[in-house]
Amino acid sequence: MTDRSWVEGLPVAITVTDADGMIVEMNARSRESHAEEGGGALVGTSVFDCHPEPALTKTRELYARKSPNHYTIRKQGQRKIIHQIPWTVKGEFAGYVEISIPIPDELPHFDRD
């Protein structure tokens, strides 16, 4: 599939950075979510410039570890789960994909072992 329109229409924010922390892609929901900080104009800027302390230190540690990170937040009354997942090219760390998914306050949980 070469048509990437599904990424633009997905109701989650997707932000992609390279190994140096430069923002290389943002889908429509990500640009909308970060409109106050510049929206699509953030592409080509450093993710490290977007975070004040203590988030800046945590972000630098994330890039040093090159491992996944997951947490929940509440922003403007909406609860979200954040997945920060490293991506690779030929087995080498290439950066992070951050996926921000709106979720309800209560979620069912199913054990499927």
N, C-alpha and C. Protein backbone atom coordinates (compact mmCIF):
# COMPACT_ATOMS: atom_id res chain seq x y z
N MET A 1 0.85 -1.18 0.00
CA MET A 1 0.00 0.00 0.00
C MET A 1 0.90 1.24 0.00
N THR A 2 0.75 2.06 -1.00
CA THR A 2 1.56 3.28 -1.07
C THR A 2 0.74 4.52 -0.74
N ASP A 3 -0.58 4.40 -0.77
CA ASP A 3 -1.44 5.52 -0.42
C ASP A 3 -1.44 5.68 1.10
N ARG A 4 -0.98 6.82 1.57
CA ARG A 4 -0.87 7.04 3.01
C ARG A 4 -2.03 7.86 3.57
N SER A 5 -3.12 7.98 2.82
CA SER A 5 -4.25 8.78 3.29
C SER A 5 -4.85 8.22 4.57
N TRP A 6 -4.71 6.92 4.80
CA TRP A 6 -5.26 6.33 6.02
C TRP A 6 -4.59 6.92 7.25
N VAL A 7 -3.31 7.27 7.16
CA VAL A 7 -2.58 7.85 8.29
C VAL A 7 -3.14 9.23 8.61
N GLU A 8 -3.47 9.98 7.58
CA GLU A 8 -4.02 11.33 7.77
C GLU A 8 -5.41 11.27 8.38
N GLY A 9 -6.19 10.26 8.04
CA GLY A 9 -7.56 10.17 8.54
C GLY A 9 -7.71 9.41 9.84
N LEU A 10 -6.64 8.84 10.33
CA LEU A 10 -6.69 8.07 11.57
C LEU A 10 -6.95 9.02 12.75
N PRO A 11 -7.91 8.69 13.62
CA PRO A 11 -8.25 9.60 14.72
C PRO A 11 -7.31 9.50 15.92
N VAL A 12 -6.03 9.33 15.66
CA VAL A 12 -4.99 9.33 16.69
C VAL A 12 -3.85 10.21 16.19
N ALA A 13 -3.10 10.79 17.12
CA ALA A 13 -1.96 11.64 16.74
C ALA A 13 -0.72 10.77 16.58
N ILE A 14 -0.09 10.89 15.40
CA ILE A 14 1.14 10.15 15.13
C ILE A 14 2.23 11.16 14.79
N THR A 15 3.31 11.10 15.57
CA THR A 15 4.46 11.97 15.37
C THR A 15 5.69 11.08 15.23
N VAL A 16 6.50 11.33 14.20
CA VAL A 16 7.67 10.50 13.94
C VAL A 16 8.91 11.37 14.04
N THR A 17 9.92 10.86 14.75
CA THR A 17 11.20 11.55 14.85
C THR A 17 12.30 10.64 14.33
N ASP A 18 13.42 11.26 13.96
CA ASP A 18 14.58 10.48 13.55
C ASP A 18 15.46 10.19 14.76
N ALA A 19 16.57 9.52 14.54
CA ALA A 19 17.46 9.10 15.63
C ALA A 19 18.05 10.27 16.40
N ASP A 20 18.11 11.45 15.78
CA ASP A 20 18.64 12.64 16.44
C ASP A 20 17.56 13.47 17.12
N GLY A 21 16.31 13.01 17.05
CA GLY A 21 15.21 13.73 17.68
C GLY A 21 14.55 14.78 16.81
N MET A 22 14.87 14.80 15.52
CA MET A 22 14.22 15.75 14.62
C MET A 22 12.85 15.21 14.23
N ILE A 23 11.85 16.05 14.29
CA ILE A 23 10.50 15.65 13.88
C ILE A 23 10.48 15.55 12.36
N VAL A 24 10.14 14.37 11.85
CA VAL A 24 10.17 14.14 10.41
C VAL A 24 8.78 13.98 9.80
N GLU A 25 7.80 13.60 10.63
CA GLU A 25 6.42 13.48 10.12
C GLU A 25 5.43 13.70 11.23
N MET A 26 4.28 14.26 10.85
CA MET A 26 3.15 14.41 11.76
C MET A 26 1.89 14.18 10.93
N ASN A 27 0.96 13.38 11.44
CA ASN A 27 -0.30 13.24 10.71
C ASN A 27 -1.24 14.39 11.09
N ALA A 28 -2.40 14.43 10.48
CA ALA A 28 -3.33 15.54 10.68
C ALA A 28 -3.69 15.74 12.15
N ARG A 29 -3.97 14.65 12.87
CA ARG A 29 -4.36 14.77 14.28
C ARG A 29 -3.19 15.28 15.12
N SER A 30 -1.97 14.89 14.79
CA SER A 30 -0.80 15.38 15.50
C SER A 30 -0.61 16.88 15.25
N ARG A 31 -0.73 17.29 14.00
CA ARG A 31 -0.61 18.72 13.68
C ARG A 31 -1.66 19.53 14.42
N GLU A 32 -2.89 19.00 14.47
CA GLU A 32 -3.99 19.67 15.18
C GLU A 32 -3.72 19.72 16.68
N SER A 33 -3.26 18.61 17.24
CA SER A 33 -2.99 18.52 18.67
C SER A 33 -1.88 19.49 19.11
N HIS A 34 -0.93 19.74 18.20
CA HIS A 34 0.21 20.60 18.52
C HIS A 34 0.11 21.97 17.83
N ALA A 35 -1.11 22.36 17.49
CA ALA A 35 -1.32 23.63 16.77
C ALA A 35 -0.77 24.83 17.54
N GLU A 36 -0.96 24.85 18.85
CA GLU A 36 -0.49 26.00 19.64
C GLU A 36 1.03 26.11 19.66
N GLU A 37 1.71 24.99 19.44
CA GLU A 37 3.18 24.98 19.41
C GLU A 37 3.73 25.16 18.00
N GLY A 38 2.86 25.23 17.00
CA GLY A 38 3.31 25.41 15.62
C GLY A 38 2.75 24.42 14.63
N GLY A 39 2.08 23.37 15.10
CA GLY A 39 1.48 22.40 14.19
C GLY A 39 2.49 21.80 13.24
N GLY A 40 2.15 21.77 11.96
CA GLY A 40 3.01 21.19 10.94
C GLY A 40 4.35 21.87 10.80
N ALA A 41 4.46 23.11 11.27
CA ALA A 41 5.75 23.82 11.21
C ALA A 41 6.78 23.18 12.14
N LEU A 42 6.34 22.27 13.02
CA LEU A 42 7.28 21.57 13.90
C LEU A 42 8.12 20.54 13.13
N VAL A 43 7.64 20.10 11.97
CA VAL A 43 8.43 19.17 11.16
C VAL A 43 9.74 19.87 10.80
N GLY A 44 10.84 19.17 11.06
CA GLY A 44 12.16 19.75 10.82
C GLY A 44 12.78 20.39 12.04
N THR A 45 12.04 20.38 13.17
CA THR A 45 12.58 20.93 14.41
C THR A 45 12.90 19.79 15.38
N SER A 46 13.64 20.09 16.41
CA SER A 46 14.05 19.07 17.38
C SER A 46 12.97 18.85 18.43
N VAL A 47 12.69 17.59 18.69
CA VAL A 47 11.74 17.24 19.74
C VAL A 47 12.25 17.70 21.10
N PHE A 48 13.57 17.83 21.24
CA PHE A 48 14.14 18.27 22.51
C PHE A 48 13.81 19.74 22.79
N ASP A 49 13.59 20.52 21.74
CA ASP A 49 13.22 21.92 21.92
C ASP A 49 11.75 22.09 22.31
N CYS A 50 10.98 21.02 22.20
CA CYS A 50 9.54 21.07 22.47
C CYS A 50 9.19 20.72 23.92
N HIS A 51 10.18 20.28 24.69
CA HIS A 51 9.90 19.79 26.04
C HIS A 51 10.63 20.60 27.10
N PRO A 52 9.88 21.18 28.05
CA PRO A 52 10.52 21.81 29.21
C PRO A 52 10.89 20.72 30.23
N GLU A 53 11.68 21.07 31.21
CA GLU A 53 11.98 20.12 32.29
C GLU A 53 10.73 19.87 33.12
N PRO A 54 10.53 18.71 33.68
CA PRO A 54 11.41 17.55 33.66
C PRO A 54 11.23 16.65 32.44
N ALA A 55 10.28 16.99 31.55
CA ALA A 55 10.03 16.15 30.37
C ALA A 55 11.25 16.08 29.45
N LEU A 56 12.04 17.16 29.40
CA LEU A 56 13.22 17.16 28.54
C LEU A 56 14.21 16.07 28.98
N THR A 57 14.46 15.98 30.27
CA THR A 57 15.38 14.95 30.78
C THR A 57 14.83 13.56 30.47
N LYS A 58 13.53 13.36 30.68
CA LYS A 58 12.92 12.06 30.39
C LYS A 58 13.03 11.73 28.90
N THR A 59 12.86 12.72 28.04
CA THR A 59 12.95 12.50 26.60
C THR A 59 14.38 12.14 26.20
N ARG A 60 15.35 12.84 26.76
CA ARG A 60 16.76 12.51 26.48
C ARG A 60 17.10 11.09 26.94
N GLU A 61 16.59 10.70 28.11
CA GLU A 61 16.81 9.34 28.61
C GLU A 61 16.17 8.30 27.70
N LEU A 62 15.00 8.62 27.17
CA LEU A 62 14.31 7.72 26.25
C LEU A 62 15.17 7.46 25.01
N TYR A 63 15.74 8.51 24.44
CA TYR A 63 16.59 8.35 23.26
C TYR A 63 17.88 7.60 23.59
N ALA A 64 18.38 7.78 24.79
CA ALA A 64 19.58 7.04 25.19
C ALA A 64 19.28 5.55 25.37
N ARG A 65 18.10 5.23 25.92
CA ARG A 65 17.71 3.83 26.16
C ARG A 65 17.27 3.13 24.88
N LYS A 66 16.64 3.90 23.99
CA LYS A 66 16.11 3.34 22.73
C LYS A 66 15.12 2.20 22.99
N SER A 67 14.29 2.38 23.99
CA SER A 67 13.30 1.36 24.34
C SER A 67 11.90 1.98 24.35
N PRO A 68 10.87 1.16 24.25
CA PRO A 68 9.50 1.68 24.26
C PRO A 68 9.15 2.35 25.59
N ASN A 69 8.19 3.27 25.51
CA ASN A 69 7.70 3.97 26.69
C ASN A 69 6.19 4.14 26.53
N HIS A 70 5.44 3.87 27.60
CA HIS A 70 3.98 3.93 27.53
C HIS A 70 3.46 4.59 28.81
N TYR A 71 2.47 5.46 28.67
CA TYR A 71 1.88 6.11 29.84
C TYR A 71 0.55 6.73 29.43
N THR A 72 -0.22 7.17 30.42
CA THR A 72 -1.47 7.86 30.15
C THR A 72 -1.37 9.30 30.63
N ILE A 73 -2.16 10.16 30.00
CA ILE A 73 -2.24 11.58 30.37
C ILE A 73 -3.70 12.01 30.31
N ARG A 74 -3.96 13.18 30.84
CA ARG A 74 -5.23 13.86 30.63
C ARG A 74 -4.86 15.25 30.10
N LYS A 75 -5.39 15.59 28.93
CA LYS A 75 -5.10 16.88 28.30
C LYS A 75 -6.41 17.46 27.80
N GLN A 76 -6.71 18.67 28.26
CA GLN A 76 -7.96 19.35 27.91
C GLN A 76 -9.17 18.46 28.17
N GLY A 77 -9.13 17.77 29.33
CA GLY A 77 -10.24 16.94 29.76
C GLY A 77 -10.30 15.57 29.11
N GLN A 78 -9.45 15.29 28.12
CA GLN A 78 -9.46 14.01 27.42
C GLN A 78 -8.34 13.12 27.92
N ARG A 79 -8.69 11.92 28.33
CA ARG A 79 -7.67 10.95 28.73
C ARG A 79 -7.08 10.32 27.48
N LYS A 80 -5.76 10.10 27.49
CA LYS A 80 -5.07 9.52 26.33
C LYS A 80 -4.01 8.54 26.81
N ILE A 81 -3.76 7.55 25.98
CA ILE A 81 -2.62 6.67 26.20
C ILE A 81 -1.57 7.03 25.16
N ILE A 82 -0.34 7.14 25.62
CA ILE A 82 0.77 7.52 24.77
C ILE A 82 1.69 6.32 24.62
N HIS A 83 1.99 5.98 23.38
CA HIS A 83 2.95 4.92 23.07
C HIS A 83 4.11 5.58 22.33
N GLN A 84 5.29 5.47 22.87
CA GLN A 84 6.50 5.96 22.21
C GLN A 84 7.32 4.72 21.88
N ILE A 85 7.38 4.42 20.59
CA ILE A 85 7.94 3.15 20.14
C ILE A 85 9.10 3.41 19.19
N PRO A 86 10.28 2.81 19.48
CA PRO A 86 11.41 3.00 18.57
C PRO A 86 11.13 2.30 17.23
N TRP A 87 11.60 2.92 16.15
CA TRP A 87 11.54 2.27 14.85
C TRP A 87 12.96 2.09 14.36
N THR A 88 13.16 1.14 13.47
CA THR A 88 14.50 0.80 13.02
C THR A 88 14.56 0.74 11.50
N VAL A 89 15.76 0.89 10.99
CA VAL A 89 16.06 0.66 9.58
C VAL A 89 17.24 -0.31 9.55
N LYS A 90 17.01 -1.46 8.95
CA LYS A 90 18.04 -2.52 8.88
C LYS A 90 18.62 -2.84 10.25
N GLY A 91 17.72 -2.87 11.27
CA GLY A 91 18.12 -3.22 12.61
C GLY A 91 18.74 -2.10 13.44
N GLU A 92 18.91 -0.94 12.85
CA GLU A 92 19.50 0.20 13.56
C GLU A 92 18.42 1.18 14.01
N PHE A 93 18.57 1.70 15.23
CA PHE A 93 17.64 2.69 15.75
C PHE A 93 17.53 3.87 14.80
N ALA A 94 16.29 4.21 14.41
CA ALA A 94 16.06 5.30 13.47
C ALA A 94 15.27 6.45 14.07
N GLY A 95 14.75 6.26 15.30
CA GLY A 95 13.97 7.31 15.95
C GLY A 95 12.78 6.71 16.67
N TYR A 96 11.79 7.55 16.90
CA TYR A 96 10.58 7.13 17.61
C TYR A 96 9.32 7.47 16.83
N VAL A 97 8.33 6.60 17.00
CA VAL A 97 6.97 6.90 16.57
C VAL A 97 6.19 7.08 17.86
N GLU A 98 5.58 8.25 18.01
CA GLU A 98 4.72 8.49 19.17
C GLU A 98 3.28 8.45 18.69
N ILE A 99 2.49 7.61 19.35
CA ILE A 99 1.08 7.47 19.01
C ILE A 99 0.28 7.87 20.24
N SER A 100 -0.57 8.87 20.09
CA SER A 100 -1.42 9.36 21.17
C SER A 100 -2.86 8.99 20.83
N ILE A 101 -3.45 8.13 21.67
CA ILE A 101 -4.78 7.59 21.41
C ILE A 101 -5.75 8.05 22.50
N PRO A 102 -6.81 8.76 22.12
CA PRO A 102 -7.84 9.11 23.11
C PRO A 102 -8.50 7.84 23.64
N ILE A 103 -8.70 7.80 24.96
CA ILE A 103 -9.34 6.64 25.58
C ILE A 103 -10.38 7.12 26.59
N PRO A 104 -11.38 6.28 26.87
CA PRO A 104 -12.36 6.64 27.91
C PRO A 104 -11.74 6.50 29.29
N ASP A 105 -12.40 7.09 30.29
CA ASP A 105 -11.89 7.00 31.66
C ASP A 105 -11.87 5.56 32.16
N GLU A 106 -12.83 4.76 31.75
CA GLU A 106 -12.90 3.36 32.16
C GLU A 106 -12.75 2.49 30.92
N LEU A 107 -11.86 1.52 31.01
CA LEU A 107 -11.64 0.59 29.91
C LEU A 107 -11.84 -0.84 30.40
N PRO A 108 -12.52 -1.66 29.62
CA PRO A 108 -12.58 -3.07 30.01
C PRO A 108 -11.21 -3.72 29.83
N HIS A 109 -10.95 -4.72 30.62
CA HIS A 109 -9.70 -5.46 30.52
C HIS A 109 -10.02 -6.94 30.37
N PHE A 110 -9.39 -7.61 29.44
CA PHE A 110 -9.63 -9.02 29.19
C PHE A 110 -8.30 -9.78 29.28
N ASP A 111 -8.27 -10.83 30.10
CA ASP A 111 -7.11 -11.72 30.14
C ASP A 111 -7.36 -12.81 29.11
N ARG A 112 -6.44 -12.96 28.20
CA ARG A 112 -6.60 -13.95 27.13
C ARG A 112 -5.50 -14.99 27.12
N ASP A 113 -5.03 -15.30 28.31
CA ASP A 113 -4.00 -16.35 28.43
C ASP A 113 -4.61 -17.71 28.27
